[in-house]
N, C-alpha and C. Protein backbone atom coordinates (compact mmCIF):
# COMPACT_ATOMS: atom_id res chain seq x y z
N MET A 1 13.80 -1.42 -65.66
CA MET A 1 12.81 -1.98 -64.78
C MET A 1 13.46 -2.58 -63.55
N TYR A 2 14.59 -3.24 -63.75
CA TYR A 2 15.31 -3.83 -62.64
C TYR A 2 15.72 -2.77 -61.63
N HIS A 3 16.06 -1.61 -62.15
CA HIS A 3 16.50 -0.50 -61.30
C HIS A 3 15.38 -0.08 -60.34
N HIS A 4 14.16 -0.02 -60.82
CA HIS A 4 13.03 0.36 -59.96
C HIS A 4 12.78 -0.69 -58.88
N TYR A 5 12.95 -1.96 -59.24
CA TYR A 5 12.77 -3.02 -58.26
C TYR A 5 13.82 -2.90 -57.15
N ALA A 6 15.04 -2.59 -57.52
CA ALA A 6 16.12 -2.42 -56.53
C ALA A 6 15.80 -1.24 -55.62
N ASP A 7 15.28 -0.15 -56.18
CA ASP A 7 14.91 1.00 -55.36
C ASP A 7 13.80 0.62 -54.37
N PHE A 8 12.83 -0.13 -54.86
CA PHE A 8 11.73 -0.56 -54.01
C PHE A 8 12.25 -1.46 -52.88
N THR A 9 13.12 -2.41 -53.22
CA THR A 9 13.68 -3.33 -52.23
C THR A 9 14.51 -2.55 -51.22
N SER A 10 15.27 -1.61 -51.69
CA SER A 10 16.10 -0.78 -50.81
C SER A 10 15.21 0.03 -49.86
N CYS A 11 14.15 0.60 -50.41
CA CYS A 11 13.22 1.37 -49.59
C CYS A 11 12.53 0.48 -48.57
N GLN A 12 12.15 -0.73 -49.02
CA GLN A 12 11.48 -1.66 -48.13
C GLN A 12 12.41 -2.07 -46.98
N THR A 13 13.66 -2.33 -47.28
CA THR A 13 14.64 -2.70 -46.26
C THR A 13 14.86 -1.54 -45.31
N THR A 14 15.00 -0.33 -45.84
CA THR A 14 15.20 0.86 -45.01
C THR A 14 13.99 1.08 -44.11
N CYS A 15 12.79 0.92 -44.68
CA CYS A 15 11.57 1.11 -43.89
C CYS A 15 11.46 0.06 -42.80
N THR A 16 11.83 -1.19 -43.09
CA THR A 16 11.78 -2.26 -42.11
C THR A 16 12.76 -1.98 -40.98
N ILE A 17 13.98 -1.57 -41.31
CA ILE A 17 14.98 -1.25 -40.30
C ILE A 17 14.50 -0.07 -39.46
N SER A 18 13.95 0.93 -40.11
CA SER A 18 13.43 2.10 -39.39
C SER A 18 12.29 1.69 -38.45
N SER A 19 11.38 0.84 -38.94
CA SER A 19 10.27 0.36 -38.12
C SER A 19 10.79 -0.43 -36.93
N PHE A 20 11.80 -1.26 -37.17
CA PHE A 20 12.39 -2.05 -36.09
C PHE A 20 12.98 -1.15 -35.02
N LYS A 21 13.69 -0.09 -35.44
CA LYS A 21 14.27 0.85 -34.48
C LYS A 21 13.17 1.55 -33.68
N ASN A 22 12.10 1.94 -34.36
CA ASN A 22 10.98 2.60 -33.67
C ASN A 22 10.33 1.65 -32.66
N MET A 23 10.13 0.39 -33.06
CA MET A 23 9.54 -0.59 -32.15
C MET A 23 10.43 -0.82 -30.93
N ARG A 24 11.74 -0.85 -31.17
CA ARG A 24 12.67 -1.04 -30.07
C ARG A 24 12.54 0.10 -29.07
N TYR A 25 12.44 1.33 -29.56
CA TYR A 25 12.26 2.48 -28.66
C TYR A 25 10.93 2.39 -27.90
N ILE A 26 9.91 1.93 -28.58
CA ILE A 26 8.61 1.77 -27.94
C ILE A 26 8.69 0.74 -26.82
N TYR A 27 9.32 -0.42 -27.11
CA TYR A 27 9.46 -1.46 -26.09
C TYR A 27 10.29 -0.98 -24.90
N VAL A 28 11.37 -0.28 -25.16
CA VAL A 28 12.21 0.25 -24.08
C VAL A 28 11.40 1.25 -23.25
N SER A 29 10.63 2.10 -23.92
CA SER A 29 9.80 3.07 -23.20
C SER A 29 8.76 2.39 -22.32
N ILE A 30 8.11 1.38 -22.85
CA ILE A 30 7.10 0.64 -22.08
C ILE A 30 7.76 -0.02 -20.87
N PHE A 31 8.91 -0.64 -21.08
CA PHE A 31 9.63 -1.28 -19.97
C PHE A 31 9.97 -0.26 -18.89
N LEU A 32 10.46 0.91 -19.27
CA LEU A 32 10.82 1.93 -18.29
C LEU A 32 9.60 2.43 -17.52
N ILE A 33 8.50 2.60 -18.21
CA ILE A 33 7.27 3.05 -17.55
C ILE A 33 6.81 2.01 -16.53
N ILE A 34 6.81 0.74 -16.91
CA ILE A 34 6.41 -0.33 -16.00
C ILE A 34 7.37 -0.40 -14.83
N PHE A 35 8.67 -0.34 -15.10
CA PHE A 35 9.67 -0.41 -14.04
C PHE A 35 9.51 0.73 -13.05
N MET A 36 9.30 1.95 -13.57
CA MET A 36 9.15 3.11 -12.70
C MET A 36 7.86 3.00 -11.88
N SER A 37 6.80 2.47 -12.47
CA SER A 37 5.55 2.30 -11.74
C SER A 37 5.71 1.31 -10.60
N CYS A 38 6.41 0.22 -10.88
CA CYS A 38 6.63 -0.79 -9.85
C CYS A 38 7.50 -0.25 -8.73
N SER A 39 8.50 0.52 -9.07
CA SER A 39 9.38 1.03 -8.03
C SER A 39 8.65 2.05 -7.15
N LYS A 40 7.68 2.76 -7.71
CA LYS A 40 6.90 3.70 -6.91
C LYS A 40 5.98 2.98 -5.95
N ALA A 41 5.55 1.75 -6.30
CA ALA A 41 4.64 1.00 -5.45
C ALA A 41 5.35 0.43 -4.22
N GLN A 42 6.66 0.47 -4.20
CA GLN A 42 7.43 -0.04 -3.07
C GLN A 42 7.24 0.87 -1.86
N ILE A 43 6.77 0.32 -0.77
CA ILE A 43 6.56 1.08 0.46
C ILE A 43 7.80 0.91 1.32
N LYS A 44 8.43 2.03 1.65
CA LYS A 44 9.69 1.98 2.40
C LYS A 44 9.52 2.27 3.88
N ASP A 45 8.58 3.15 4.23
CA ASP A 45 8.30 3.43 5.64
C ASP A 45 6.88 3.95 5.78
N LEU A 46 6.47 4.19 7.01
CA LEU A 46 5.08 4.60 7.25
C LEU A 46 4.74 5.93 6.60
N HIS A 47 5.74 6.76 6.34
CA HIS A 47 5.48 8.06 5.70
C HIS A 47 4.94 7.89 4.28
N ASP A 48 5.17 6.73 3.66
CA ASP A 48 4.64 6.49 2.32
C ASP A 48 3.11 6.37 2.32
N PHE A 49 2.53 6.13 3.50
CA PHE A 49 1.07 6.07 3.62
C PHE A 49 0.45 7.44 3.90
N GLN A 50 1.28 8.36 4.38
CA GLN A 50 0.76 9.65 4.84
C GLN A 50 -0.01 10.37 3.75
N TRP A 51 -1.17 10.91 4.13
CA TRP A 51 -2.11 11.65 3.31
C TRP A 51 -2.84 10.78 2.29
N LYS A 52 -2.54 9.46 2.28
CA LYS A 52 -3.24 8.54 1.37
C LYS A 52 -4.07 7.52 2.14
N ASN A 53 -3.53 7.04 3.26
CA ASN A 53 -4.18 5.97 4.00
C ASN A 53 -4.15 6.22 5.50
N ARG A 54 -5.17 5.67 6.15
CA ARG A 54 -5.14 5.52 7.60
C ARG A 54 -4.60 4.13 7.86
N LEU A 55 -4.03 3.91 9.03
CA LEU A 55 -3.44 2.62 9.34
C LEU A 55 -3.99 2.08 10.65
N LEU A 56 -4.29 0.80 10.66
CA LEU A 56 -4.53 0.09 11.90
C LEU A 56 -3.30 -0.77 12.10
N ILE A 57 -2.51 -0.43 13.10
CA ILE A 57 -1.30 -1.19 13.41
C ILE A 57 -1.66 -2.20 14.49
N ILE A 58 -1.42 -3.47 14.22
CA ILE A 58 -1.65 -4.53 15.20
C ILE A 58 -0.27 -5.08 15.57
N CYS A 59 0.09 -4.93 16.83
CA CYS A 59 1.38 -5.43 17.31
C CYS A 59 1.11 -6.53 18.32
N THR A 60 1.65 -7.71 18.05
CA THR A 60 1.35 -8.85 18.91
C THR A 60 2.57 -9.75 19.10
N ASN A 61 2.61 -10.41 20.24
CA ASN A 61 3.59 -11.47 20.47
C ASN A 61 2.96 -12.77 20.02
N SER A 62 3.75 -13.76 19.76
CA SER A 62 3.22 -15.03 19.25
C SER A 62 2.26 -15.72 20.21
N ASP A 63 2.33 -15.40 21.49
CA ASP A 63 1.46 -16.06 22.46
C ASP A 63 0.06 -15.46 22.54
N THR A 64 -0.24 -14.47 21.72
CA THR A 64 -1.56 -13.82 21.75
C THR A 64 -2.33 -14.09 20.46
N GLN A 65 -2.22 -15.29 19.95
CA GLN A 65 -2.84 -15.66 18.67
C GLN A 65 -4.35 -15.43 18.67
N SER A 66 -5.03 -15.71 19.78
CA SER A 66 -6.49 -15.57 19.79
C SER A 66 -6.91 -14.11 19.62
N GLN A 67 -6.15 -13.16 20.19
CA GLN A 67 -6.52 -11.75 20.04
C GLN A 67 -6.37 -11.29 18.59
N ILE A 68 -5.30 -11.67 17.94
CA ILE A 68 -5.11 -11.24 16.55
C ILE A 68 -6.14 -11.92 15.65
N GLU A 69 -6.46 -13.18 15.92
CA GLU A 69 -7.49 -13.86 15.13
C GLU A 69 -8.83 -13.16 15.28
N HIS A 70 -9.15 -12.74 16.51
CA HIS A 70 -10.40 -12.00 16.76
C HIS A 70 -10.41 -10.68 15.98
N GLN A 71 -9.28 -9.94 16.04
CA GLN A 71 -9.20 -8.65 15.33
C GLN A 71 -9.33 -8.85 13.82
N LEU A 72 -8.63 -9.84 13.28
CA LEU A 72 -8.69 -10.08 11.83
C LEU A 72 -10.08 -10.55 11.39
N ALA A 73 -10.77 -11.31 12.25
CA ALA A 73 -12.15 -11.72 11.95
C ALA A 73 -13.06 -10.49 11.88
N GLU A 74 -12.85 -9.54 12.80
CA GLU A 74 -13.61 -8.28 12.78
C GLU A 74 -13.35 -7.53 11.47
N ILE A 75 -12.09 -7.45 11.08
CA ILE A 75 -11.71 -6.74 9.86
C ILE A 75 -12.33 -7.41 8.64
N GLU A 76 -12.27 -8.72 8.61
CA GLU A 76 -12.79 -9.49 7.48
C GLU A 76 -14.27 -9.18 7.24
N LYS A 77 -15.02 -8.96 8.32
CA LYS A 77 -16.46 -8.67 8.22
C LYS A 77 -16.73 -7.33 7.53
N ALA A 78 -15.73 -6.46 7.52
CA ALA A 78 -15.98 -5.08 7.06
C ALA A 78 -14.95 -4.59 6.04
N LYS A 79 -14.52 -5.48 5.16
CA LYS A 79 -13.51 -5.10 4.16
C LYS A 79 -13.92 -3.85 3.37
N LYS A 80 -15.17 -3.80 2.97
CA LYS A 80 -15.66 -2.67 2.19
C LYS A 80 -15.56 -1.37 2.99
N ASP A 81 -15.90 -1.43 4.26
CA ASP A 81 -15.83 -0.25 5.12
C ASP A 81 -14.38 0.19 5.34
N PHE A 82 -13.46 -0.77 5.44
CA PHE A 82 -12.05 -0.44 5.57
C PHE A 82 -11.56 0.26 4.31
N ALA A 83 -11.93 -0.28 3.15
CA ALA A 83 -11.53 0.32 1.87
C ALA A 83 -12.12 1.73 1.73
N GLU A 84 -13.38 1.89 2.10
CA GLU A 84 -14.05 3.19 2.01
C GLU A 84 -13.35 4.26 2.85
N ARG A 85 -12.75 3.84 3.94
CA ARG A 85 -12.05 4.77 4.84
C ARG A 85 -10.55 4.80 4.59
N ASP A 86 -10.11 4.19 3.48
CA ASP A 86 -8.68 4.14 3.13
C ASP A 86 -7.85 3.59 4.28
N LEU A 87 -8.35 2.54 4.92
CA LEU A 87 -7.73 1.99 6.12
C LEU A 87 -6.96 0.71 5.77
N LYS A 88 -5.64 0.76 5.93
CA LYS A 88 -4.77 -0.39 5.72
C LYS A 88 -4.43 -1.00 7.07
N VAL A 89 -4.20 -2.31 7.09
CA VAL A 89 -3.88 -3.03 8.31
C VAL A 89 -2.43 -3.50 8.25
N VAL A 90 -1.64 -3.04 9.21
CA VAL A 90 -0.23 -3.42 9.30
C VAL A 90 -0.07 -4.29 10.54
N ILE A 91 0.43 -5.51 10.34
CA ILE A 91 0.59 -6.46 11.44
C ILE A 91 2.08 -6.57 11.77
N LEU A 92 2.39 -6.35 13.04
CA LEU A 92 3.75 -6.51 13.55
C LEU A 92 3.76 -7.74 14.45
N LYS A 93 4.46 -8.77 14.00
CA LYS A 93 4.45 -10.03 14.76
C LYS A 93 5.77 -10.76 14.53
N ASN A 94 6.36 -11.24 15.62
CA ASN A 94 7.61 -12.00 15.53
C ASN A 94 8.70 -11.26 14.76
N GLN A 95 8.84 -9.98 15.04
CA GLN A 95 9.87 -9.13 14.41
C GLN A 95 9.67 -8.96 12.90
N LYS A 96 8.46 -9.25 12.41
CA LYS A 96 8.16 -9.12 10.98
C LYS A 96 6.99 -8.16 10.78
N VAL A 97 6.89 -7.64 9.55
CA VAL A 97 5.84 -6.69 9.20
C VAL A 97 5.07 -7.24 8.01
N GLU A 98 3.75 -7.22 8.12
CA GLU A 98 2.87 -7.66 7.03
C GLU A 98 1.79 -6.60 6.83
N ILE A 99 1.52 -6.26 5.58
CA ILE A 99 0.39 -5.38 5.28
C ILE A 99 -0.74 -6.31 4.84
N TRP A 100 -1.75 -6.39 5.68
CA TRP A 100 -2.77 -7.42 5.52
C TRP A 100 -3.68 -7.20 4.31
N ASN A 101 -4.06 -5.98 4.03
CA ASN A 101 -5.01 -5.73 2.95
C ASN A 101 -4.41 -4.84 1.85
N SER A 102 -3.19 -5.17 1.45
CA SER A 102 -2.55 -4.44 0.37
C SER A 102 -1.67 -5.38 -0.42
N SER A 103 -1.68 -5.20 -1.73
CA SER A 103 -0.83 -6.04 -2.58
C SER A 103 0.52 -5.37 -2.86
N ALA A 104 0.69 -4.15 -2.40
CA ALA A 104 1.95 -3.44 -2.64
C ALA A 104 3.09 -4.11 -1.88
N SER A 105 4.24 -4.18 -2.52
CA SER A 105 5.40 -4.72 -1.82
C SER A 105 5.95 -3.66 -0.87
N HIS A 106 6.68 -4.10 0.13
CA HIS A 106 7.18 -3.14 1.11
C HIS A 106 8.53 -3.55 1.66
N GLN A 107 9.18 -2.58 2.24
CA GLN A 107 10.43 -2.78 2.96
C GLN A 107 10.30 -2.19 4.36
N LEU A 108 9.13 -2.29 4.93
CA LEU A 108 8.90 -1.73 6.26
C LEU A 108 9.74 -2.50 7.28
N ALA A 109 10.38 -1.77 8.17
CA ALA A 109 11.24 -2.37 9.18
C ALA A 109 10.53 -2.40 10.53
N TYR A 110 10.44 -3.57 11.11
CA TYR A 110 9.77 -3.78 12.40
C TYR A 110 10.29 -2.80 13.45
N GLY A 111 11.60 -2.79 13.64
CA GLY A 111 12.20 -1.94 14.68
C GLY A 111 11.94 -0.46 14.47
N GLN A 112 11.96 -0.03 13.22
CA GLN A 112 11.71 1.38 12.91
C GLN A 112 10.27 1.77 13.28
N ILE A 113 9.32 0.90 12.98
CA ILE A 113 7.91 1.19 13.30
C ILE A 113 7.71 1.21 14.82
N ILE A 114 8.29 0.22 15.50
CA ILE A 114 8.19 0.14 16.97
C ILE A 114 8.70 1.44 17.59
N GLN A 115 9.86 1.88 17.12
CA GLN A 115 10.48 3.09 17.67
C GLN A 115 9.68 4.33 17.31
N GLU A 116 9.30 4.44 16.04
CA GLU A 116 8.59 5.63 15.57
C GLU A 116 7.26 5.85 16.28
N LEU A 117 6.55 4.75 16.58
CA LEU A 117 5.23 4.86 17.19
C LEU A 117 5.25 4.63 18.71
N ASN A 118 6.44 4.52 19.28
CA ASN A 118 6.59 4.29 20.72
C ASN A 118 5.75 3.11 21.20
N ILE A 119 5.85 2.01 20.48
CA ILE A 119 5.12 0.80 20.86
C ILE A 119 5.93 0.07 21.92
N ARG A 120 5.25 -0.28 22.99
CA ARG A 120 5.92 -0.98 24.09
C ARG A 120 5.87 -2.48 23.82
N THR A 121 7.01 -3.04 23.50
CA THR A 121 7.07 -4.46 23.10
C THR A 121 6.84 -5.41 24.26
N GLU A 122 6.91 -4.92 25.50
CA GLU A 122 6.65 -5.81 26.63
C GLU A 122 5.16 -6.13 26.75
N LYS A 123 4.32 -5.34 26.10
CA LYS A 123 2.88 -5.64 26.09
C LYS A 123 2.63 -6.75 25.08
N SER A 124 1.71 -7.63 25.42
CA SER A 124 1.48 -8.78 24.53
C SER A 124 0.64 -8.43 23.30
N TYR A 125 -0.14 -7.35 23.38
CA TYR A 125 -1.02 -7.00 22.25
C TYR A 125 -1.32 -5.51 22.29
N GLN A 126 -1.22 -4.87 21.14
CA GLN A 126 -1.59 -3.45 21.02
C GLN A 126 -2.17 -3.18 19.64
N ASN A 127 -3.11 -2.26 19.61
CA ASN A 127 -3.66 -1.72 18.36
C ASN A 127 -3.45 -0.22 18.37
N LEU A 128 -3.03 0.31 17.23
CA LEU A 128 -2.91 1.75 17.08
C LEU A 128 -3.62 2.16 15.81
N LEU A 129 -4.41 3.20 15.91
CA LEU A 129 -5.04 3.78 14.73
C LEU A 129 -4.25 5.03 14.38
N ILE A 130 -3.75 5.06 13.16
CA ILE A 130 -2.94 6.18 12.67
C ILE A 130 -3.77 6.94 11.63
N GLY A 131 -3.89 8.24 11.80
CA GLY A 131 -4.63 9.06 10.84
C GLY A 131 -3.83 9.31 9.58
N LYS A 132 -4.48 9.85 8.58
CA LYS A 132 -3.80 10.18 7.32
C LYS A 132 -2.67 11.19 7.53
N ASP A 133 -2.77 11.98 8.61
CA ASP A 133 -1.72 12.96 8.91
C ASP A 133 -0.52 12.32 9.58
N GLY A 134 -0.61 11.02 9.89
CA GLY A 134 0.50 10.31 10.51
C GLY A 134 0.45 10.28 12.02
N GLY A 135 -0.54 10.92 12.63
CA GLY A 135 -0.65 10.96 14.09
C GLY A 135 -1.40 9.76 14.65
N VAL A 136 -1.03 9.36 15.86
CA VAL A 136 -1.72 8.27 16.55
C VAL A 136 -3.05 8.81 17.07
N LYS A 137 -4.15 8.22 16.64
CA LYS A 137 -5.49 8.68 17.02
C LYS A 137 -6.13 7.82 18.10
N LEU A 138 -5.67 6.57 18.21
CA LEU A 138 -6.26 5.65 19.17
C LEU A 138 -5.21 4.58 19.49
N ARG A 139 -5.11 4.23 20.77
CA ARG A 139 -4.16 3.20 21.21
C ARG A 139 -4.89 2.31 22.21
N GLU A 140 -4.98 1.01 21.91
CA GLU A 140 -5.69 0.05 22.78
C GLU A 140 -4.83 -1.18 23.00
N ASP A 141 -5.00 -1.82 24.16
CA ASP A 141 -4.28 -3.04 24.49
C ASP A 141 -5.09 -4.30 24.23
N SER A 142 -6.18 -4.16 23.50
CA SER A 142 -7.02 -5.30 23.15
C SER A 142 -7.63 -5.02 21.78
N PRO A 143 -8.22 -6.04 21.15
CA PRO A 143 -8.84 -5.81 19.84
C PRO A 143 -9.86 -4.68 19.89
N ILE A 144 -9.93 -3.94 18.81
CA ILE A 144 -10.86 -2.81 18.70
C ILE A 144 -12.02 -3.23 17.80
N SER A 145 -13.22 -2.97 18.24
CA SER A 145 -14.39 -3.30 17.40
C SER A 145 -14.40 -2.41 16.17
N ASN A 146 -14.99 -2.93 15.11
CA ASN A 146 -15.13 -2.12 13.90
C ASN A 146 -15.92 -0.85 14.19
N GLN A 147 -16.95 -0.97 15.01
CA GLN A 147 -17.77 0.19 15.32
C GLN A 147 -16.95 1.30 15.98
N LYS A 148 -16.09 0.92 16.93
CA LYS A 148 -15.24 1.92 17.59
C LYS A 148 -14.24 2.54 16.61
N LEU A 149 -13.66 1.69 15.76
CA LEU A 149 -12.73 2.20 14.73
C LEU A 149 -13.43 3.20 13.82
N PHE A 150 -14.58 2.79 13.29
CA PHE A 150 -15.29 3.63 12.33
C PHE A 150 -15.82 4.91 12.97
N ASN A 151 -16.30 4.83 14.21
CA ASN A 151 -16.75 6.04 14.90
C ASN A 151 -15.60 7.01 15.10
N THR A 152 -14.44 6.48 15.48
CA THR A 152 -13.26 7.33 15.69
C THR A 152 -12.84 7.98 14.38
N ILE A 153 -12.77 7.18 13.32
CA ILE A 153 -12.36 7.71 12.00
C ILE A 153 -13.39 8.70 11.48
N ASP A 154 -14.67 8.35 11.57
CA ASP A 154 -15.71 9.20 11.00
C ASP A 154 -15.85 10.54 11.73
N ALA A 155 -15.31 10.62 12.93
CA ALA A 155 -15.32 11.89 13.68
C ALA A 155 -14.15 12.79 13.30
N MET A 156 -13.19 12.27 12.55
CA MET A 156 -12.01 13.06 12.17
C MET A 156 -12.38 14.10 11.12
N PRO A 157 -11.84 15.31 11.22
CA PRO A 157 -12.17 16.36 10.25
C PRO A 157 -11.90 15.97 8.79
N MET A 158 -10.80 15.28 8.55
CA MET A 158 -10.50 14.89 7.16
C MET A 158 -11.54 13.90 6.64
N ARG A 159 -11.97 12.97 7.47
CA ARG A 159 -12.99 12.00 7.07
C ARG A 159 -14.34 12.70 6.87
N GLN A 160 -14.65 13.67 7.72
CA GLN A 160 -15.87 14.46 7.55
C GLN A 160 -15.89 15.12 6.18
N ARG A 161 -14.75 15.67 5.80
CA ARG A 161 -14.63 16.32 4.48
C ARG A 161 -14.78 15.29 3.36
N GLU A 162 -14.17 14.11 3.54
CA GLU A 162 -14.29 13.04 2.52
C GLU A 162 -15.75 12.64 2.34
N MET A 163 -16.47 12.48 3.45
CA MET A 163 -17.88 12.08 3.35
C MET A 163 -18.72 13.17 2.71
N ARG A 164 -18.42 14.41 3.06
CA ARG A 164 -19.18 15.54 2.49
C ARG A 164 -18.92 15.66 0.98
N ASP A 165 -17.66 15.44 0.57
CA ASP A 165 -17.29 15.56 -0.84
C ASP A 165 -17.57 14.31 -1.64
N GLY A 166 -17.98 13.24 -0.96
CA GLY A 166 -18.29 11.99 -1.65
C GLY A 166 -17.08 11.16 -2.00
N ASN A 167 -15.99 11.36 -1.30
CA ASN A 167 -14.77 10.57 -1.58
C ASN A 167 -14.75 9.31 -0.76
């Protein structure tokens, strides 16, 4: 009888060790999946938005606070419309980059964006609308009304297709 108990205990110990090893593999797998997902969410340059988002780039010097406040107030009124059009807001101010309506972390470089989009830094304020294809669709030296933004976007062939397909 003692022999059977020893076999049972041995089996129980082996099963526990085996279960522990399996759980360890599961935890490692979960960690890797989470880590890989987080690393994919890292935005490195404007090309990471291409074919997924349109961008409203706001470039301002610190002395134009009232213009950026006006533009952000306009945006705030229409968050749902911005989301519906996959429109992200990138603010370039004081040599820094902020994505206003995104929780994704980024490593966007101010100088790289300025150079890539041919933004003239001597101007105190500029807005650029970038299409999903990465092209500049609209360039203004003052805040853009939501109506003008939405009319411009809604006239784009890709947006027409999104509206027709219900996306």
